[in-house]
Amino acid sequence: MPRMTLERFLVGTATAVALALLPSLVQAVYVTPHAVFMTHGARAGQVTVGNSGEAPEEVTVELRFGFPDTDSAGTPFIRFVEDPGPEFPSAVEWIRPYPRRLRLEPGEQQVVRLLATPPDDLPEGEYWTRMIVTGQGASVPIETADTSVRAGVSLVMRIITAVTYRKGTVTTGITLRGLDAAVDGDSVAVWVNATREGNGAYLGTVNFELVGSDGQHVTEWIIPIAVYYPMNRHFALPVESIPAGTYLLRLTIDSERPDLRPDDVLPAPAVSDSVEIVVP
């Protein structure tokens, strides 16, 4: 029986790849929480890996160094760096997951523990790695036009979870280096050029507010953001239901993340900017 391998990539647990072919199996493997924070005083963490599907899953766990970045189109992705040098605050060499391999029956879940053994002379600061949980499901038969041919799809899911280790005093902040916006069809194309400050990654929330010429609130968009290195992020904000006119688009970025524990988010002053747009 011919077989194909189809990979599914999830960043944290928030983004799912929609597969019309096998919708009930897309999210078979899950990981919670979607971010792990460890400190020099508490050098252990854990996640729960589960199988919500209807078939067994062979799961592997590995750590790689990576961080959020944007491509030339301003689209966010996880940039992985093989063999990161001393210029990168990598924790991949001294954080270990246990176990690295597990088999999950349908409805089963298991704890994966993370243990940090940093070097004795580790400088103060924040260190990163990404935990990649890969689930390999059973081969699933699919129908073909030729009834004499049997085919199957081998499903692979990869879930990427952020792992952060902090030692000593860790601070962060964000600086806006530019805000551009223009209506493009039925959406507003917004470019936000941001740089983080301090020795820790900036985890926060972007709030876009559209204000009418009369100063009244029209609508808003709230989007989580993570800034590790300078990035030029593109946002597409739908305005197809907004009446024609001139508006002020206000941007506020603050260090609040409802999806994370408050103690895990580094505090930082909010920053703001605004730009005028015309909806035709």
Protein backbone atom coordinates (compact mmCIF):
# COMPACT_ATOMS: atom_id res chain seq x y z
CA MET A 1 0.00 0.00 0.00
CA PRO A 2 1.56 3.35 -1.03
CA ARG A 3 2.16 5.68 1.89
CA MET A 4 2.72 9.40 2.22
CA THR A 5 3.99 11.35 5.20
CA LEU A 6 2.06 14.49 6.01
CA GLU A 7 3.54 16.85 8.60
CA ARG A 8 1.57 19.17 10.84
CA PHE A 9 3.36 22.01 12.60
CA LEU A 10 1.92 23.81 15.62
CA VAL A 11 3.55 26.72 17.44
CA GLY A 12 2.55 26.37 21.07
CA THR A 13 -1.04 25.15 21.10
CA ALA A 14 -2.62 28.20 19.52
CA THR A 15 -2.07 27.64 15.78
CA ALA A 16 -3.56 24.63 14.03
CA VAL A 17 -3.07 23.57 10.44
CA ALA A 18 -6.49 22.92 8.97
CA LEU A 19 -6.61 19.67 7.02
CA ALA A 20 -9.89 18.98 5.25
CA LEU A 21 -8.65 15.45 4.57
CA LEU A 22 -8.42 14.36 8.23
CA PRO A 23 -9.89 17.10 10.43
CA SER A 24 -10.51 14.85 13.46
CA LEU A 25 -6.84 13.86 13.67
CA VAL A 26 -5.14 17.24 13.27
CA GLN A 27 -4.95 17.93 16.99
CA ALA A 28 -4.47 14.37 18.27
CA VAL A 29 -1.30 15.25 20.21
CA TYR A 30 -1.42 18.25 22.53
CA VAL A 31 1.02 19.91 24.95
CA THR A 32 0.14 22.05 27.94
CA PRO A 33 1.24 24.61 28.97
CA HIS A 34 2.54 26.17 25.76
CA ALA A 35 5.44 27.93 27.54
CA VAL A 36 7.72 26.79 30.37
CA PHE A 37 9.63 29.18 32.66
CA MET A 38 12.46 28.02 34.90
CA THR A 39 14.70 29.93 37.30
CA HIS A 40 18.11 29.43 38.87
CA GLY A 41 16.33 28.71 42.13
CA ALA A 42 13.81 26.28 40.61
CA ARG A 43 15.66 24.37 37.93
CA ALA A 44 12.88 21.98 36.94
CA GLY A 45 9.76 22.34 34.84
CA GLN A 46 7.23 20.11 33.23
CA VAL A 47 4.60 19.84 30.52
CA THR A 48 1.78 17.39 29.98
CA VAL A 49 1.65 15.61 26.64
CA GLY A 50 -1.65 14.01 25.72
CA ASN A 51 -3.37 12.14 22.92
CA SER A 52 -6.91 13.29 22.15
CA GLY A 53 -7.13 11.20 18.99
CA GLU A 54 -8.53 7.77 18.29
CA ALA A 55 -5.25 6.02 17.45
CA PRO A 56 -2.01 5.45 19.40
CA GLU A 57 0.73 8.05 19.00
CA GLU A 58 4.49 7.48 19.15
CA VAL A 59 5.90 10.69 20.64
CA THR A 60 9.48 12.00 20.71
CA VAL A 61 10.76 15.05 22.59
CA GLU A 62 13.82 17.10 21.60
CA LEU A 63 15.27 20.52 22.35
CA ARG A 64 16.62 22.97 19.77
CA PHE A 65 17.65 26.60 19.98
CA GLY A 66 15.22 28.95 18.30
CA PHE A 67 13.32 32.19 18.69
CA PRO A 68 10.46 34.10 16.99
CA ASP A 69 11.46 36.09 13.92
CA THR A 70 9.81 37.56 10.83
CA ASP A 71 10.51 36.90 7.17
CA SER A 72 10.73 39.51 4.39
CA ALA A 73 6.92 39.64 4.22
CA GLY A 74 6.68 40.39 7.95
CA THR A 75 5.21 36.97 8.72
CA PRO A 76 6.25 35.49 12.09
CA PHE A 77 8.00 32.11 12.27
CA ILE A 78 10.39 30.27 14.57
CA ARG A 79 14.00 30.65 13.45
CA PHE A 80 16.12 27.67 14.48
CA VAL A 81 19.89 28.02 14.82
CA GLU A 82 22.04 24.90 14.65
CA ASP A 83 25.06 24.91 16.97
CA PRO A 84 24.38 28.39 18.42
CA GLY A 85 27.54 30.25 19.35
CA PRO A 86 28.21 32.35 22.46
CA GLU A 87 26.37 35.31 20.90
CA PHE A 88 23.11 33.45 21.48
CA PRO A 89 21.68 32.84 24.99
CA SER A 90 21.08 29.16 24.37
CA ALA A 91 20.05 26.69 27.07
CA VAL A 92 19.82 23.72 24.72
CA GLU A 93 23.08 22.17 25.97
CA TRP A 94 22.10 21.97 29.63
CA ILE A 95 18.34 21.39 29.77
CA ARG A 96 17.19 17.80 29.36
CA PRO A 97 13.68 16.36 28.86
CA TYR A 98 12.59 13.12 30.58
CA PRO A 99 11.38 10.92 28.97
CA ARG A 100 12.44 11.58 25.40
CA ARG A 101 10.19 8.90 23.92
CA LEU A 102 6.72 7.77 24.91
CA ARG A 103 3.74 5.96 23.50
CA LEU A 104 0.31 7.41 24.17
CA GLU A 105 -2.85 5.42 23.78
CA PRO A 106 -6.07 7.29 22.86
CA GLY A 107 -7.11 9.51 25.76
CA GLU A 108 -3.82 8.98 27.61
CA GLN A 109 -1.50 11.71 28.85
CA GLN A 110 1.93 11.78 30.46
CA VAL A 111 4.15 14.31 32.18
CA VAL A 112 7.47 15.23 30.53
CA ARG A 113 9.90 16.79 33.00
CA LEU A 114 12.62 19.29 32.16
CA LEU A 115 15.77 19.42 34.28
CA ALA A 116 18.33 22.23 34.01
CA THR A 117 22.00 21.73 34.95
CA PRO A 118 23.58 25.05 33.94
CA PRO A 119 27.32 25.69 34.24
CA ASP A 120 28.49 27.07 37.57
CA ASP A 121 29.74 30.28 35.95
CA LEU A 122 26.54 31.02 34.03
CA PRO A 123 26.15 34.83 33.78
CA GLU A 124 22.95 36.52 34.88
CA GLY A 125 20.31 36.78 32.21
CA GLU A 126 17.68 34.89 30.27
CA TYR A 127 18.35 31.74 28.23
CA TRP A 128 16.12 30.06 25.66
CA THR A 129 15.43 26.80 23.95
CA ARG A 130 12.46 25.27 22.13
CA MET A 131 10.96 21.95 23.01
CA ILE A 132 9.68 20.09 19.95
CA VAL A 133 7.14 17.34 20.61
CA THR A 134 6.64 15.11 17.57
CA GLY A 135 3.72 12.74 17.35
CA GLN A 136 3.75 9.92 14.80
CA GLY A 137 0.28 8.50 14.31
CA ALA A 138 -0.75 5.27 12.70
CA SER A 139 -1.12 5.07 8.93
CA VAL A 140 -4.66 6.14 8.01
CA PRO A 141 -6.27 4.67 4.85
CA ILE A 142 -7.71 7.09 2.29
CA GLU A 143 -9.88 6.51 -0.74
CA THR A 144 -8.54 6.85 -4.26
CA ALA A 145 -10.21 7.13 -7.64
CA ASP A 146 -8.79 3.74 -8.55
CA THR A 147 -10.51 1.16 -6.37
CA SER A 148 -7.69 -1.29 -7.07
CA VAL A 149 -5.15 0.99 -5.35
CA ARG A 150 -4.96 1.34 -1.58
CA ALA A 151 -3.17 4.34 -0.12
CA GLY A 152 -2.41 5.63 3.34
CA VAL A 153 -1.23 8.80 5.02
CA SER A 154 1.27 8.65 7.86
CA LEU A 155 0.48 11.61 10.10
CA VAL A 156 3.21 13.60 11.84
CA MET A 157 2.55 16.48 14.23
CA ARG A 158 5.19 18.82 15.63
CA ILE A 159 4.34 21.14 18.50
CA ILE A 160 6.87 23.81 19.45
CA THR A 161 6.91 25.00 23.06
CA ALA A 162 9.02 27.86 24.41
CA VAL A 163 11.35 27.03 27.32
CA THR A 164 12.88 29.98 29.22
CA TYR A 165 15.50 29.93 31.97
CA ARG A 166 16.23 33.01 34.07
CA LYS A 167 19.11 33.74 36.42
CA GLY A 168 19.49 36.83 38.55
CA THR A 169 18.11 40.17 37.43
CA VAL A 170 16.27 39.96 34.12
CA THR A 171 14.63 42.99 32.52
CA THR A 172 12.94 43.74 29.24
CA GLY A 173 11.29 46.50 27.28
CA ILE A 174 10.31 47.41 23.74
CA THR A 175 11.12 50.30 21.41
CA LEU A 176 9.11 51.16 18.31
CA ARG A 177 11.25 52.25 15.40
CA GLY A 178 8.46 52.84 12.91
CA LEU A 179 4.73 52.44 12.30
CA ASP A 180 3.30 52.35 8.77
CA ALA A 181 -0.27 51.58 7.75
CA ALA A 182 -2.28 51.70 4.54
CA VAL A 183 -5.59 50.26 3.38
CA ASP A 184 -5.09 47.35 1.02
CA GLY A 185 -8.36 45.94 -0.30
CA ASP A 186 -10.56 44.87 2.60
CA SER A 187 -7.83 45.16 5.23
CA VAL A 188 -5.31 47.58 6.70
CA ALA A 189 -1.70 46.52 6.15
CA VAL A 190 0.26 47.59 9.22
CA TRP A 191 4.02 47.34 9.66
CA VAL A 192 5.47 47.56 13.17
CA ASN A 193 9.24 47.78 13.52
CA ALA A 194 10.16 46.80 17.07
CA THR A 195 13.30 46.18 19.10
CA ARG A 196 13.40 44.73 22.59
CA GLU A 197 15.49 46.15 25.42
CA GLY A 198 17.15 44.58 28.44
CA ASN A 199 18.44 41.02 28.76
CA GLY A 200 15.12 39.20 28.50
CA ALA A 201 12.63 38.57 25.72
CA TYR A 202 9.64 40.89 25.49
CA LEU A 203 6.31 39.09 25.85
CA GLY A 204 3.31 41.32 25.45
CA THR A 205 0.12 42.22 23.65
CA VAL A 206 -0.48 44.52 20.69
CA ASN A 207 -3.69 46.54 20.82
CA PHE A 208 -4.82 48.33 17.68
CA GLU A 209 -7.70 50.77 18.17
CA LEU A 210 -9.52 52.45 15.29
CA VAL A 211 -10.85 55.89 16.18
CA GLY A 212 -13.24 57.91 14.03
CA SER A 213 -12.84 61.57 13.04
CA ASP A 214 -15.21 62.41 15.90
CA GLY A 215 -12.82 60.80 18.39
CA GLN A 216 -15.14 57.86 19.07
CA HIS A 217 -13.94 54.27 19.37
CA VAL A 218 -14.86 52.19 16.30
CA THR A 219 -13.20 48.79 16.79
CA GLU A 220 -10.04 47.16 18.04
CA TRP A 221 -7.77 44.18 17.45
CA ILE A 222 -5.76 42.45 20.21
CA ILE A 223 -2.82 40.24 19.22
CA PRO A 224 -0.07 38.61 21.33
CA ILE A 225 3.53 39.41 20.43
CA ALA A 226 6.99 38.12 21.37
CA VAL A 227 10.11 40.13 20.52
CA TYR A 228 13.49 38.45 20.98
CA TYR A 229 15.49 40.27 18.29
CA PRO A 230 14.62 43.28 16.08
CA MET A 231 11.68 42.46 13.84
CA ASN A 232 9.49 44.17 11.27
CA ARG A 233 6.10 42.59 11.86
CA HIS A 234 3.22 42.78 9.40
CA PHE A 235 -0.40 42.77 10.54
CA ALA A 236 -3.49 42.57 8.34
CA LEU A 237 -6.51 44.12 10.08
CA PRO A 238 -9.91 43.55 8.42
CA VAL A 239 -11.91 46.70 7.64
CA GLU A 240 -14.48 45.41 5.15
CA SER A 241 -17.32 46.41 7.51
CA ILE A 242 -15.90 49.86 8.33
CA PRO A 243 -17.64 52.84 6.64
CA ALA A 244 -15.57 55.00 4.32
CA GLY A 245 -13.78 57.85 6.00
CA THR A 246 -10.62 59.06 7.71
CA TYR A 247 -9.57 57.30 10.90
CA LEU A 248 -6.80 57.30 13.45
CA LEU A 249 -5.18 53.92 14.07
CA ARG A 250 -3.74 53.85 17.58
CA LEU A 251 -1.16 51.25 18.57
CA THR A 252 -0.40 50.29 22.17
CA ILE A 253 1.95 47.49 23.19
CA ASP A 254 2.05 46.43 26.84
CA SER A 255 3.62 43.59 28.80
CA GLU A 256 0.42 41.71 29.57
CA ARG A 257 -0.29 38.21 28.31
CA PRO A 258 -3.60 36.61 29.40
CA ASP A 259 -2.32 33.24 28.14
CA LEU A 260 0.63 33.27 30.59
CA ARG A 261 0.91 33.43 34.37
CA PRO A 262 1.48 37.02 35.54
CA ASP A 263 4.63 35.96 37.45
CA ASP A 264 6.15 34.62 34.21
CA VAL A 265 5.81 37.88 32.27
CA LEU A 266 8.54 40.47 32.75
CA PRO A 267 7.07 43.94 33.47
CA ALA A 268 7.85 46.79 31.11
CA PRO A 269 6.42 50.24 30.32
CA ALA A 270 3.76 50.37 27.62
CA VAL A 271 4.62 52.06 24.32
CA SER A 272 2.25 53.67 21.83
CA ASP A 273 2.08 55.30 18.43
CA SER A 274 -0.59 56.28 15.91
CA VAL A 275 -1.09 56.82 12.21
CA GLU A 276 -3.91 58.23 10.07
CA ILE A 277 -5.59 55.95 7.53
CA VAL A 278 -8.29 56.50 4.91
CA VAL A 279 -10.88 53.80 4.25
CA PRO A 280 -12.25 54.29 0.69
